[in-house]
Amino acid sequence: MFSAWRLAGARASALKRARWRPLLLAGGLAGPLLLVGALAWHVLLDRRGLPDLARFERFELPVTGQIQDLRGVPLAELAREHRRVLAYADIPPVVLAAIVAAEDNRFLSHSGVAATIWLARRIGMGRVLKTARDLGIETALARYPSTALGASEVTLLELANAYRAMASGLRARPHFLLEVTGPPGEPLPAANAPASPLGIGKSPLALIQEGLRGVVRLPGGTAHALDTPAFPVAVMGKTGTTSDFRDALFVGSTFGPSGITVAVWLGFDDATPLGERESGARAALPVFRDLVRLVYEQGLVGLAPQFPPALERGIDAFLTHPPLEPPRPLSARVLAALRTSR
C-alpha cells in the first residue's frame, strides 16, 4: 500500500514537472527576446533626451559669397556655401580670371599661387623658360607649370643675376674681377663679356620693376619692413619661403646699372626645417637690410640710386586713391606688353 502510494506520488510530481517545463522554456526564451526588443526600441524609436531633428533638417549653410566695398561693407550676397574638390583643369576660366584680377595690383606683394600658375599656363611655359634664359638662368628648368612657383632649382648666384638683370635692364655674366692691371699700372684686356640689353621690352620690364618695388612699399608686402626711415635705401625685391620653413630667401636690388643686388639664403644642407615661422621675411630679410645699409653708409659702391619718379608716382597714386572698380586682369596687361615687345 505504501509502495503504491509512493509510486502514485512520484507519477503526480512527474506530471507537474512536465506541465511546468514548457512554461520555464518559454520564460527562458522570452527574457532575451524582451531584452533585445527593449534595446531595439531604445535605439530606433526612443527619442527622449535627443535634440530636435527638425531643426537640423531646417538648417541652411551661411552665405559666403559677397561683394564688398572698400570699407568692407557687403554690397551683395552671391551664393551659399557648396564645397567640392576640383582638379585644376575643371575650374572654370572665368573663376581663374577673377582670381588674377583680384591679384592685380598686389600680385607680387604676397604669395599669388593660383594666379601665378594661371598666368604661366596662359603665356605658355615655352615663353616662361625663354624669359628665364634671357634673364641669365642657365640651369635647365622643367617644362611644368609648377616651375613658375619655384619647383625647379637654380643656384643662388643665378637667382641674384636674374634679379640684377630685372633691376638694371642689362644682362651680364657674373664675374669676380673688375679690372686687371699690368706692372706699369695700365689695365689689361678683361675676359669679362660686356653687359648687353635684355631681350625684354621696356613695358613688361617696367611692370616687373613696379611690382617688385611694391613688395617693399605696399603695406601688405612681405618686404614692407624695409619701407622705413631707419633704412633709407630705395630697394625692390622678393621674399621666398619653402615648405615646412626649410629655406628662407630674400633677393633685393637697388635700381639701374649702378645699383647692386644682394641674395640671402638661410637653410641647412640636410633640409632640416629652420623653425616655426622662420620665413624669408623674418629670417633672410634682416640680413639683407643690415648688409645693404652698411654698403651704402660706408660708400663702398657710391650713392644709392633712386627709382624713376614715374614708377614711384604710380605706387603713390595707388596708395592714396585705391581703384574703386575691380582692376583689369593682370594677364591682359602683361600679355599686351609682351606682344608689343616681341
Protein backbone atom coordinates (compact mmCIF):
# COMPACT_ATOMS: atom_id res chain seq x y z
CA MET A 1 0.00 0.00 0.00
CA PHE A 2 2.74 2.33 0.98
CA SER A 3 4.69 1.42 -2.15
CA ALA A 4 1.68 2.09 -4.34
CA TRP A 5 1.17 5.50 -2.70
CA ARG A 6 4.78 6.42 -3.26
CA LEU A 7 4.55 5.36 -6.90
CA ALA A 8 1.41 7.41 -7.40
CA GLY A 9 3.03 10.44 -5.74
CA ALA A 10 6.09 10.15 -7.96
CA ARG A 11 3.90 9.97 -11.02
CA ALA A 12 1.98 13.04 -9.90
CA SER A 13 5.24 15.01 -9.36
CA ALA A 14 6.50 13.98 -12.79
CA LEU A 15 3.28 15.16 -14.37
CA LYS A 16 3.56 18.55 -12.59
CA ARG A 17 7.15 18.98 -13.76
CA ALA A 18 6.10 18.08 -17.28
CA ARG A 19 3.40 20.74 -17.20
CA TRP A 20 5.82 23.46 -15.93
CA ARG A 21 8.67 22.60 -18.36
CA PRO A 22 7.12 24.39 -21.39
CA LEU A 23 6.43 27.40 -19.22
CA LEU A 24 10.01 27.52 -17.98
CA LEU A 25 11.33 27.05 -21.52
CA ALA A 26 9.09 29.81 -22.82
CA GLY A 27 10.18 32.10 -19.99
CA GLY A 28 13.85 31.39 -20.71
CA LEU A 29 13.38 32.33 -24.36
CA ALA A 30 11.18 35.33 -23.67
CA GLY A 31 13.74 37.01 -21.41
CA PRO A 32 16.42 37.53 -24.08
CA LEU A 33 13.77 38.44 -26.64
CA LEU A 34 12.36 41.11 -24.36
CA LEU A 35 15.87 42.43 -23.73
CA VAL A 36 16.62 42.63 -27.47
CA GLY A 37 13.26 44.24 -28.10
CA ALA A 38 13.82 46.83 -25.41
CA LEU A 39 17.25 47.62 -26.79
CA ALA A 40 15.89 47.94 -30.33
CA TRP A 41 13.11 50.22 -29.16
CA HIS A 42 15.55 52.41 -27.28
CA VAL A 43 17.88 52.72 -30.25
CA LEU A 44 15.34 53.06 -33.04
CA LEU A 45 12.24 54.56 -31.50
CA ASP A 46 13.08 56.21 -28.20
CA ARG A 47 13.50 59.95 -28.83
CA ARG A 48 13.77 61.02 -25.19
CA GLY A 49 16.83 63.21 -24.50
CA LEU A 50 17.72 63.68 -28.18
CA PRO A 51 17.89 67.08 -29.93
CA ASP A 52 15.12 68.22 -32.19
CA LEU A 53 15.95 66.67 -35.58
CA ALA A 54 13.57 69.05 -37.31
CA ARG A 55 15.98 71.90 -36.52
CA PHE A 56 18.77 70.07 -38.33
CA GLU A 57 16.50 69.44 -41.30
CA ARG A 58 15.74 73.16 -41.50
CA PHE A 59 19.45 74.15 -41.20
CA GLU A 60 20.94 76.11 -44.12
CA LEU A 61 24.61 76.87 -44.72
CA PRO A 62 25.58 80.54 -44.33
CA VAL A 63 26.02 82.84 -47.27
CA THR A 64 29.74 83.05 -48.11
CA GLY A 65 29.95 84.79 -51.49
CA GLN A 66 29.84 88.56 -51.03
CA ILE A 67 30.76 91.71 -52.90
CA GLN A 68 32.14 94.34 -50.54
CA ASP A 69 33.07 97.97 -50.95
CA LEU A 70 36.42 99.46 -49.93
CA ARG A 71 35.22 99.77 -46.33
CA GLY A 72 34.32 96.09 -46.15
CA VAL A 73 30.56 96.71 -46.18
CA PRO A 74 28.72 93.90 -48.03
CA LEU A 75 27.02 95.15 -51.20
CA ALA A 76 25.58 91.87 -52.45
CA GLU A 77 25.37 88.21 -51.46
CA LEU A 78 26.14 85.82 -54.28
CA ALA A 79 25.78 82.20 -53.20
CA ARG A 80 25.52 79.77 -50.35
CA GLU A 81 28.42 77.55 -49.45
CA HIS A 82 28.85 74.44 -51.55
CA ARG A 83 32.28 72.84 -51.46
CA ARG A 84 33.54 70.36 -54.00
CA VAL A 85 37.11 69.30 -54.74
CA LEU A 86 38.06 70.11 -58.34
CA ALA A 87 41.07 69.39 -60.48
CA TYR A 88 42.80 72.50 -61.84
CA ALA A 89 41.62 71.70 -65.36
CA ASP A 90 37.98 71.64 -64.16
CA ILE A 91 38.00 75.16 -62.71
CA PRO A 92 36.00 77.49 -65.00
CA PRO A 93 38.22 80.03 -66.80
CA VAL A 94 36.09 82.90 -65.51
CA VAL A 95 36.97 81.92 -61.92
CA LEU A 96 40.68 81.88 -62.71
CA ALA A 97 40.39 85.24 -64.46
CA ALA A 98 38.64 86.64 -61.38
CA ILE A 99 41.47 85.41 -59.15
CA VAL A 100 44.03 87.09 -61.39
CA ALA A 101 42.00 90.31 -61.40
CA ALA A 102 41.92 90.30 -57.59
CA GLU A 103 45.69 89.77 -57.50
CA ASP A 104 46.35 92.61 -59.97
CA ASN A 105 47.98 95.46 -58.04
CA ARG A 106 49.21 93.30 -55.18
CA PHE A 107 50.26 90.33 -57.31
CA LEU A 108 53.91 90.32 -56.25
CA SER A 109 53.43 91.64 -52.71
CA HIS A 110 52.35 88.24 -51.37
CA SER A 111 52.10 84.63 -52.45
CA GLY A 112 49.80 84.65 -55.51
CA VAL A 113 49.99 80.91 -56.13
CA ALA A 114 46.78 80.39 -58.10
CA ALA A 115 47.32 83.45 -60.27
CA THR A 116 50.95 82.51 -60.94
CA ILE A 117 50.01 79.06 -62.23
CA TRP A 118 47.18 80.51 -64.32
CA LEU A 119 49.47 83.13 -65.84
CA ALA A 120 52.17 80.56 -66.66
CA ARG A 121 49.62 78.39 -68.46
CA ARG A 122 48.16 81.37 -70.30
CA ILE A 123 51.51 82.67 -71.54
CA GLY A 124 52.91 79.20 -72.14
CA MET A 125 55.80 77.52 -70.38
CA GLY A 126 57.94 77.83 -73.51
CA ARG A 127 57.91 81.62 -73.25
CA VAL A 128 58.40 81.45 -69.47
CA LEU A 129 61.55 79.34 -69.91
CA LYS A 130 62.85 81.61 -72.69
CA THR A 131 62.39 84.66 -70.48
CA ALA A 132 64.29 82.90 -67.70
CA ARG A 133 67.17 82.27 -70.11
CA ASP A 134 67.04 85.91 -71.24
CA LEU A 135 67.45 86.92 -67.60
CA GLY A 136 70.53 84.74 -67.20
CA ILE A 137 69.14 81.48 -65.78
CA GLU A 138 71.34 78.79 -67.31
CA THR A 139 70.17 75.79 -65.27
CA ALA A 140 67.76 73.58 -67.22
CA LEU A 141 64.25 74.24 -65.90
CA ALA A 142 61.44 71.69 -66.02
CA ARG A 143 58.68 72.47 -68.52
CA TYR A 144 55.92 72.24 -65.91
CA PRO A 145 53.60 74.97 -64.59
CA SER A 146 54.91 74.30 -61.08
CA THR A 147 58.25 75.74 -62.23
CA ALA A 148 56.55 79.14 -62.00
CA LEU A 149 56.27 78.50 -58.25
CA GLY A 150 59.91 77.52 -57.85
CA ALA A 151 59.72 73.75 -58.32
CA SER A 152 62.88 73.81 -60.49
CA GLU A 153 66.01 74.58 -58.52
CA VAL A 154 68.61 77.17 -59.54
CA THR A 155 71.76 78.39 -57.84
CA LEU A 156 71.67 81.43 -55.60
CA LEU A 157 74.13 83.17 -57.95
CA GLU A 158 71.78 82.64 -60.92
CA LEU A 159 68.88 83.98 -58.87
CA ALA A 160 70.86 87.08 -57.89
CA ASN A 161 71.94 87.61 -61.50
CA ALA A 162 68.35 87.39 -62.75
CA TYR A 163 67.17 89.98 -60.21
CA ARG A 164 70.13 92.22 -61.16
CA ALA A 165 69.01 91.98 -64.78
CA MET A 166 65.45 92.95 -63.86
CA ALA A 167 66.67 95.92 -61.84
CA SER A 168 69.16 97.18 -64.42
CA GLY A 169 67.69 96.12 -67.76
CA LEU A 170 71.06 94.58 -68.65
CA ARG A 171 72.26 91.02 -68.86
CA ALA A 172 75.82 90.29 -67.71
CA ARG A 173 77.70 87.15 -66.79
CA PRO A 174 78.73 87.17 -63.10
CA HIS A 175 82.43 87.73 -62.52
CA PHE A 176 84.67 88.39 -59.55
CA LEU A 177 87.40 90.56 -61.07
CA LEU A 178 86.55 94.11 -62.05
CA GLU A 179 89.91 95.01 -63.55
CA VAL A 180 93.42 93.61 -64.02
CA THR A 181 96.37 95.96 -64.37
CA GLY A 182 99.89 95.27 -65.58
CA PRO A 183 103.18 96.31 -63.95
CA PRO A 184 103.06 99.87 -65.34
CA GLY A 185 99.56 100.26 -63.92
CA GLU A 186 97.87 100.01 -67.28
CA PRO A 187 94.66 97.96 -67.45
CA LEU A 188 94.93 94.65 -69.25
CA PRO A 189 92.19 93.35 -71.54
CA ALA A 190 89.46 91.79 -69.41
CA ALA A 191 87.95 88.44 -70.21
CA ASN A 192 84.58 89.55 -68.87
CA ALA A 193 81.90 89.83 -71.53
CA PRO A 194 80.30 93.28 -71.63
CA ALA A 195 76.74 93.70 -70.43
CA SER A 196 74.05 93.63 -73.10
CA PRO A 197 70.45 94.86 -73.11
CA LEU A 198 67.82 92.34 -72.14
CA GLY A 199 65.65 90.81 -74.81
CA ILE A 200 62.60 92.09 -72.94
CA GLY A 201 60.70 95.23 -73.87
CA LYS A 202 60.63 98.29 -71.65
CA SER A 203 56.94 97.98 -70.88
CA PRO A 204 56.98 94.48 -69.32
CA LEU A 205 60.27 95.27 -67.58
CA ALA A 206 58.71 98.38 -66.02
CA LEU A 207 55.77 96.28 -64.80
CA ILE A 208 58.16 93.86 -63.12
CA GLN A 209 60.13 96.67 -61.50
CA GLU A 210 56.98 98.35 -60.23
CA GLY A 211 55.70 95.08 -58.84
CA LEU A 212 58.95 94.29 -57.02
CA ARG A 213 59.13 97.84 -55.70
CA GLY A 214 55.56 97.42 -54.49
CA VAL A 215 56.64 94.42 -52.41
CA VAL A 216 58.51 96.96 -50.28
CA ARG A 217 56.21 99.95 -50.44
CA LEU A 218 52.75 98.41 -50.16
CA PRO A 219 51.64 97.86 -46.55
CA GLY A 220 50.68 94.26 -47.33
CA GLY A 221 54.01 93.46 -48.99
CA THR A 222 56.19 90.77 -47.47
CA ALA A 223 59.17 93.17 -47.52
CA HIS A 224 57.31 96.23 -46.22
CA ALA A 225 59.64 96.24 -43.20
CA LEU A 226 62.22 97.88 -45.50
CA ASP A 227 59.97 100.90 -46.10
CA THR A 228 61.10 102.81 -43.04
CA PRO A 229 63.27 105.88 -42.29
CA ALA A 230 65.61 103.52 -40.43
CA PHE A 231 66.50 102.02 -43.83
CA PRO A 232 66.90 105.00 -46.20
CA VAL A 233 67.85 102.93 -49.26
CA ALA A 234 65.25 102.55 -52.01
CA VAL A 235 65.12 98.87 -52.96
CA MET A 236 62.91 96.35 -54.71
CA GLY A 237 62.87 92.64 -54.01
CA LYS A 238 61.01 89.47 -53.15
CA THR A 239 60.90 87.11 -50.21
CA GLY A 240 60.85 83.34 -50.57
CA THR A 241 59.94 80.54 -48.18
CA THR A 242 59.87 76.82 -48.99
CA SER A 243 57.63 74.15 -47.49
CA ASP A 244 57.94 73.49 -43.75
CA PHE A 245 60.26 76.53 -43.46
CA ARG A 246 63.24 74.60 -44.84
CA ASP A 247 64.59 77.60 -46.77
CA ALA A 248 64.29 81.32 -46.24
CA LEU A 249 65.31 83.71 -49.02
CA PHE A 250 65.31 87.35 -49.87
CA VAL A 251 66.70 88.87 -53.06
CA GLY A 252 66.74 92.64 -53.26
CA SER A 253 68.18 95.30 -55.56
CA THR A 254 68.75 98.98 -55.89
CA PHE A 255 67.76 100.43 -59.24
CA GLY A 256 69.62 100.71 -62.51
CA PRO A 257 73.03 99.72 -63.87
CA SER A 258 74.81 101.40 -60.95
CA GLY A 259 72.76 99.56 -58.35
CA ILE A 260 73.58 96.35 -56.52
CA THR A 261 71.74 93.10 -55.88
CA VAL A 262 72.08 91.00 -52.74
CA ALA A 263 70.66 87.48 -52.47
CA VAL A 264 70.32 85.92 -49.00
CA TRP A 265 69.58 82.25 -48.37
CA LEU A 266 69.25 80.63 -44.96
CA GLY A 267 68.87 76.88 -44.57
CA PHE A 268 70.51 73.60 -43.65
CA ASP A 269 72.29 71.32 -46.12
CA ASP A 270 70.18 68.35 -44.98
CA ALA A 271 66.87 70.25 -45.48
CA THR A 272 66.14 70.39 -41.75
CA PRO A 273 63.41 73.00 -41.07
CA LEU A 274 64.67 76.31 -39.75
CA GLY A 275 61.87 76.52 -37.23
CA GLU A 276 58.27 77.61 -36.96
CA ARG A 277 57.51 80.81 -38.92
CA GLU A 278 61.13 81.27 -40.00
CA SER A 279 60.12 82.74 -43.35
CA GLY A 280 62.08 84.77 -45.84
CA ALA A 281 60.65 87.98 -44.42
CA ARG A 282 61.57 87.06 -40.86
CA ALA A 283 64.92 85.29 -41.27
CA ALA A 284 66.56 86.39 -44.55
CA LEU A 285 65.32 89.97 -44.95
CA PRO A 286 67.11 91.32 -41.82
CA VAL A 287 70.43 90.02 -43.18
CA PHE A 288 69.82 91.86 -46.46
CA ARG A 289 68.82 95.04 -44.63
CA ASP A 290 71.92 95.17 -42.42
CA LEU A 291 74.32 94.35 -45.26
CA VAL A 292 72.92 96.86 -47.76
CA ARG A 293 72.75 99.60 -45.14
CA LEU A 294 76.45 99.14 -44.33
CA VAL A 295 77.43 99.04 -48.01
CA TYR A 296 75.88 102.45 -48.67
CA GLU A 297 76.73 104.01 -45.31
CA GLN A 298 80.40 103.21 -45.89
CA GLY A 299 80.29 104.42 -49.50
CA LEU A 300 81.55 101.14 -50.93
CA VAL A 301 79.52 101.46 -54.15
CA GLY A 302 78.71 105.17 -54.27
CA LEU A 303 75.31 106.72 -53.60
CA ALA A 304 72.17 104.63 -53.65
CA PRO A 305 70.29 105.24 -56.92
CA GLN A 306 66.65 106.24 -56.88
CA PHE A 307 63.80 104.63 -58.80
CA PRO A 308 62.25 106.51 -61.72
CA PRO A 309 59.79 109.17 -60.47
CA ALA A 310 57.04 107.82 -62.75
CA LEU A 311 57.33 104.41 -61.11
CA GLU A 312 57.14 105.88 -57.59
CA ARG A 313 54.22 108.12 -58.56
CA GLY A 314 52.28 105.12 -59.79
CA ILE A 315 52.63 103.42 -56.41
CA ASP A 316 51.86 106.71 -54.62
CA ALA A 317 48.64 107.05 -56.59
CA PHE A 318 47.60 103.53 -55.72
CA LEU A 319 48.30 104.06 -52.03
CA THR A 320 46.46 107.39 -51.96
CA HIS A 321 43.49 106.50 -54.16
CA PRO A 322 42.95 102.76 -54.49
CA PRO A 323 40.85 101.88 -57.54
CA LEU A 324 37.11 101.81 -56.83
CA GLU A 325 36.40 99.45 -59.69
CA PRO A 326 37.94 95.96 -59.95
CA PRO A 327 41.21 96.26 -61.91
CA ARG A 328 41.65 94.69 -65.28
CA PRO A 329 43.12 91.18 -65.17
CA LEU A 330 46.87 91.25 -64.83
CA SER A 331 47.12 88.71 -67.61
CA ALA A 332 45.72 91.19 -70.14
CA ARG A 333 48.25 93.85 -69.14
CA VAL A 334 51.21 91.50 -69.21
CA LEU A 335 50.18 89.78 -72.42
CA ALA A 336 49.66 93.12 -74.16
CA ALA A 337 53.11 94.26 -73.03
CA LEU A 338 54.69 91.01 -74.19
CA ARG A 339 53.03 91.25 -77.59
CA THR A 340 54.37 94.75 -78.14
CA SER A 341 57.88 93.81 -77.01
CA ARG A 342 58.36 90.79 -79.30
